[in-house]
Amino acid sequence: MLEIRPTCENCNKSLPHDSNEAMICTFECTFSMHCVSLLKGVCPNCGGGFEKRPIRPSQLLQKYPVSTVIVYKPVDLRVHLQKFNS
């Protein structure tokens, strides 16, 4: 079951369970679409790609609550993008 993390790891933008802007990698690292664009579609944690995070239906939130844990690890974009120029 997906955690459905509440914010973008890079900019800390709120990404609620029904957000159309949430993107995740295979390890559920969660970023906003804007930050994924800045990251050139590559997860800074695992090097994998991103997919749109599914929306958890409101009627299932009580039985399957979303995570309240905020993972906030701003990415040094300069360092991240240098990986592509090597």
N, C-alpha and C. Protein backbone atom coordinates (compact mmCIF):
# COMPACT_ATOMS: atom_id res chain seq x y z
N MET A 1 0.85 -1.18 0.00
CA MET A 1 0.00 0.00 0.00
C MET A 1 0.89 1.24 0.00
N LEU A 2 0.58 2.18 -0.86
CA LEU A 2 1.35 3.42 -0.93
C LEU A 2 1.17 4.25 0.34
N GLU A 3 2.25 4.90 0.74
CA GLU A 3 2.19 5.77 1.92
C GLU A 3 1.35 7.02 1.67
N ILE A 4 1.40 7.55 0.47
CA ILE A 4 0.79 8.84 0.12
C ILE A 4 1.37 9.92 1.05
N ARG A 5 2.63 10.23 0.81
CA ARG A 5 3.33 11.24 1.62
C ARG A 5 2.72 12.62 1.38
N PRO A 6 2.70 13.47 2.41
CA PRO A 6 1.93 14.71 2.36
C PRO A 6 2.57 15.91 1.68
N THR A 7 3.88 15.85 1.40
CA THR A 7 4.55 17.03 0.83
C THR A 7 5.64 16.63 -0.15
N CYS A 8 6.08 17.61 -0.92
CA CYS A 8 7.22 17.45 -1.83
C CYS A 8 8.51 17.42 -1.01
N GLU A 9 9.36 16.45 -1.29
CA GLU A 9 10.64 16.36 -0.57
C GLU A 9 11.54 17.54 -0.83
N ASN A 10 11.42 18.17 -1.98
CA ASN A 10 12.33 19.26 -2.34
C ASN A 10 11.83 20.63 -1.87
N CYS A 11 10.59 20.97 -2.17
CA CYS A 11 10.10 22.32 -1.87
C CYS A 11 9.12 22.36 -0.70
N ASN A 12 8.72 21.19 -0.20
CA ASN A 12 7.80 21.06 0.94
C ASN A 12 6.37 21.50 0.62
N LYS A 13 6.05 21.60 -0.66
CA LYS A 13 4.69 21.95 -1.07
C LYS A 13 3.73 20.87 -0.60
N SER A 14 2.58 21.26 -0.15
CA SER A 14 1.55 20.32 0.27
C SER A 14 1.05 19.53 -0.94
N LEU A 15 1.00 18.21 -0.79
CA LEU A 15 0.51 17.32 -1.84
C LEU A 15 -0.50 16.36 -1.20
N PRO A 16 -1.73 16.82 -0.99
CA PRO A 16 -2.74 16.00 -0.32
C PRO A 16 -3.09 14.75 -1.12
N HIS A 17 -3.84 13.87 -0.53
CA HIS A 17 -4.19 12.57 -1.12
C HIS A 17 -4.80 12.67 -2.51
N ASP A 18 -5.43 13.80 -2.81
CA ASP A 18 -6.10 13.96 -4.11
C ASP A 18 -5.37 14.92 -5.05
N SER A 19 -4.10 15.17 -4.77
CA SER A 19 -3.32 16.09 -5.60
C SER A 19 -3.04 15.50 -6.98
N ASN A 20 -3.22 16.32 -8.00
CA ASN A 20 -2.86 15.93 -9.36
C ASN A 20 -1.42 16.29 -9.68
N GLU A 21 -0.71 16.90 -8.72
CA GLU A 21 0.66 17.34 -8.95
C GLU A 21 1.71 16.42 -8.32
N ALA A 22 1.28 15.39 -7.62
CA ALA A 22 2.22 14.51 -6.91
C ALA A 22 2.81 13.47 -7.85
N MET A 23 4.13 13.33 -7.77
CA MET A 23 4.86 12.35 -8.56
C MET A 23 5.67 11.49 -7.58
N ILE A 24 5.81 10.18 -7.91
CA ILE A 24 6.58 9.29 -7.05
C ILE A 24 7.54 8.45 -7.88
N CYS A 25 8.61 8.00 -7.22
CA CYS A 25 9.54 7.05 -7.84
C CYS A 25 9.19 5.67 -7.29
N THR A 26 9.96 4.68 -7.66
CA THR A 26 9.68 3.31 -7.24
C THR A 26 9.78 3.12 -5.73
N PHE A 27 10.49 3.99 -5.03
CA PHE A 27 10.61 3.91 -3.57
C PHE A 27 9.67 4.88 -2.87
N GLU A 28 8.75 5.46 -3.61
CA GLU A 28 7.74 6.40 -3.11
C GLU A 28 8.31 7.75 -2.69
N CYS A 29 9.53 8.08 -3.12
CA CYS A 29 10.01 9.44 -2.92
C CYS A 29 8.97 10.31 -3.62
N THR A 30 8.56 11.38 -2.99
CA THR A 30 7.44 12.18 -3.48
C THR A 30 7.89 13.60 -3.79
N PHE A 31 7.58 14.04 -5.01
CA PHE A 31 7.95 15.37 -5.46
C PHE A 31 6.78 15.98 -6.23
N SER A 32 6.75 17.31 -6.26
CA SER A 32 5.75 18.01 -7.07
C SER A 32 6.16 17.92 -8.53
N MET A 33 5.21 18.10 -9.44
CA MET A 33 5.52 18.08 -10.87
C MET A 33 6.56 19.14 -11.22
N HIS A 34 6.46 20.30 -10.57
CA HIS A 34 7.43 21.37 -10.84
C HIS A 34 8.84 20.92 -10.47
N CYS A 35 8.98 20.31 -9.30
CA CYS A 35 10.32 19.88 -8.88
C CYS A 35 10.82 18.73 -9.74
N VAL A 36 9.95 17.82 -10.16
CA VAL A 36 10.35 16.74 -11.06
C VAL A 36 10.90 17.32 -12.35
N SER A 37 10.30 18.40 -12.83
CA SER A 37 10.80 19.07 -14.02
C SER A 37 12.20 19.64 -13.78
N LEU A 38 12.40 20.26 -12.63
CA LEU A 38 13.72 20.80 -12.29
C LEU A 38 14.76 19.69 -12.18
N LEU A 39 14.32 18.51 -11.72
CA LEU A 39 15.21 17.36 -11.53
C LEU A 39 15.43 16.57 -12.82
N LYS A 40 14.85 17.06 -13.92
CA LYS A 40 14.96 16.41 -15.24
C LYS A 40 14.37 15.00 -15.20
N GLY A 41 13.36 14.79 -14.35
CA GLY A 41 12.66 13.51 -14.30
C GLY A 41 13.43 12.37 -13.65
N VAL A 42 14.52 12.70 -12.95
CA VAL A 42 15.35 11.68 -12.32
C VAL A 42 15.32 11.88 -10.79
N CYS A 43 14.96 10.82 -10.07
CA CYS A 43 14.92 10.90 -8.61
C CYS A 43 16.32 11.11 -8.06
N PRO A 44 16.52 12.12 -7.21
CA PRO A 44 17.84 12.38 -6.67
C PRO A 44 18.27 11.35 -5.63
N ASN A 45 17.32 10.55 -5.16
CA ASN A 45 17.64 9.56 -4.13
C ASN A 45 18.04 8.21 -4.72
N CYS A 46 17.32 7.75 -5.74
CA CYS A 46 17.58 6.41 -6.28
C CYS A 46 18.03 6.43 -7.74
N GLY A 47 17.86 7.55 -8.43
CA GLY A 47 18.24 7.63 -9.83
C GLY A 47 17.19 7.11 -10.80
N GLY A 48 16.06 6.69 -10.25
CA GLY A 48 14.97 6.19 -11.08
C GLY A 48 14.09 7.31 -11.62
N GLY A 49 13.10 6.92 -12.38
CA GLY A 49 12.17 7.89 -12.95
C GLY A 49 10.96 8.11 -12.05
N PHE A 50 10.07 8.97 -12.49
CA PHE A 50 8.87 9.31 -11.74
C PHE A 50 7.62 8.94 -12.52
N GLU A 51 6.56 8.68 -11.78
CA GLU A 51 5.24 8.45 -12.33
C GLU A 51 4.25 9.26 -11.50
N LYS A 52 3.11 9.56 -12.09
CA LYS A 52 2.06 10.27 -11.36
C LYS A 52 1.57 9.39 -10.21
N ARG A 53 1.48 10.00 -9.03
CA ARG A 53 1.00 9.25 -7.87
C ARG A 53 -0.51 9.08 -7.98
N PRO A 54 -1.03 7.88 -7.73
CA PRO A 54 -2.48 7.70 -7.77
C PRO A 54 -3.17 8.48 -6.66
N ILE A 55 -4.41 8.80 -6.89
CA ILE A 55 -5.22 9.50 -5.88
C ILE A 55 -5.89 8.45 -5.00
N ARG A 56 -5.79 8.65 -3.69
CA ARG A 56 -6.50 7.77 -2.77
C ARG A 56 -7.91 8.34 -2.60
N PRO A 57 -8.93 7.56 -2.93
CA PRO A 57 -10.31 8.05 -2.82
C PRO A 57 -10.67 8.45 -1.39
N SER A 58 -11.39 9.54 -1.26
CA SER A 58 -11.77 10.08 0.04
C SER A 58 -12.48 9.06 0.92
N GLN A 59 -13.31 8.21 0.31
CA GLN A 59 -14.07 7.25 1.10
C GLN A 59 -13.18 6.15 1.71
N LEU A 60 -11.92 6.07 1.30
CA LEU A 60 -11.01 5.07 1.85
C LEU A 60 -10.00 5.64 2.85
N LEU A 61 -10.05 6.94 3.06
CA LEU A 61 -9.06 7.57 3.94
C LEU A 61 -9.15 7.12 5.40
N GLN A 62 -10.33 6.86 5.87
CA GLN A 62 -10.46 6.43 7.26
C GLN A 62 -9.87 5.04 7.45
N LYS A 63 -10.17 4.15 6.53
CA LYS A 63 -9.67 2.78 6.62
C LYS A 63 -8.19 2.70 6.27
N TYR A 64 -7.78 3.51 5.30
CA TYR A 64 -6.38 3.52 4.83
C TYR A 64 -5.85 4.95 4.86
N PRO A 65 -5.49 5.45 6.04
CA PRO A 65 -5.04 6.83 6.14
C PRO A 65 -3.71 7.07 5.42
N VAL A 66 -3.54 8.30 5.00
CA VAL A 66 -2.29 8.68 4.34
C VAL A 66 -1.23 8.98 5.40
N SER A 67 0.01 9.01 4.98
CA SER A 67 1.11 9.29 5.90
C SER A 67 1.05 10.74 6.38
N THR A 68 1.49 10.95 7.60
CA THR A 68 1.62 12.30 8.14
C THR A 68 3.10 12.68 8.29
N VAL A 69 3.98 11.75 7.94
CA VAL A 69 5.42 11.97 8.05
C VAL A 69 5.89 12.84 6.89
N ILE A 70 6.51 13.95 7.22
CA ILE A 70 7.04 14.86 6.21
C ILE A 70 8.51 14.54 5.98
N VAL A 71 8.85 14.25 4.73
CA VAL A 71 10.23 14.03 4.33
C VAL A 71 10.64 15.28 3.56
N TYR A 72 11.49 16.09 4.18
CA TYR A 72 11.91 17.35 3.55
C TYR A 72 13.42 17.35 3.44
N LYS A 73 13.92 17.09 2.23
CA LYS A 73 15.35 17.03 1.96
C LYS A 73 15.62 17.80 0.67
N PRO A 74 15.69 19.13 0.75
CA PRO A 74 15.90 19.92 -0.47
C PRO A 74 17.12 19.42 -1.25
N VAL A 75 16.96 19.37 -2.56
CA VAL A 75 18.00 18.87 -3.45
C VAL A 75 18.91 20.01 -3.87
N ASP A 76 20.20 19.76 -3.85
CA ASP A 76 21.15 20.73 -4.42
C ASP A 76 21.10 20.51 -5.93
N LEU A 77 20.31 21.35 -6.61
CA LEU A 77 20.10 21.16 -8.04
C LEU A 77 21.39 21.22 -8.85
N ARG A 78 22.31 22.05 -8.44
CA ARG A 78 23.58 22.17 -9.16
C ARG A 78 24.30 20.83 -9.15
N VAL A 79 24.37 20.20 -8.00
CA VAL A 79 25.03 18.90 -7.87
C VAL A 79 24.25 17.82 -8.64
N HIS A 80 22.93 17.84 -8.51
CA HIS A 80 22.09 16.85 -9.18
C HIS A 80 22.26 16.94 -10.70
N LEU A 81 22.23 18.14 -11.23
CA LEU A 81 22.31 18.31 -12.68
C LEU A 81 23.71 18.04 -13.23
N GLN A 82 24.74 18.16 -12.39
CA GLN A 82 26.09 17.84 -12.84
C GLN A 82 26.23 16.38 -13.20
N LYS A 83 25.39 15.53 -12.61
CA LYS A 83 25.42 14.10 -12.92
C LYS A 83 25.11 13.84 -14.40
N PHE A 84 24.36 14.75 -15.01
CA PHE A 84 23.97 14.59 -16.41
C PHE A 84 25.06 15.10 -17.36
N ASN A 85 25.93 15.94 -16.85
CA ASN A 85 26.98 16.53 -17.68
C ASN A 85 28.31 15.78 -17.58
N SER A 86 28.33 14.71 -16.81
CA SER A 86 29.58 13.96 -16.61
C SER A 86 29.84 13.02 -17.77
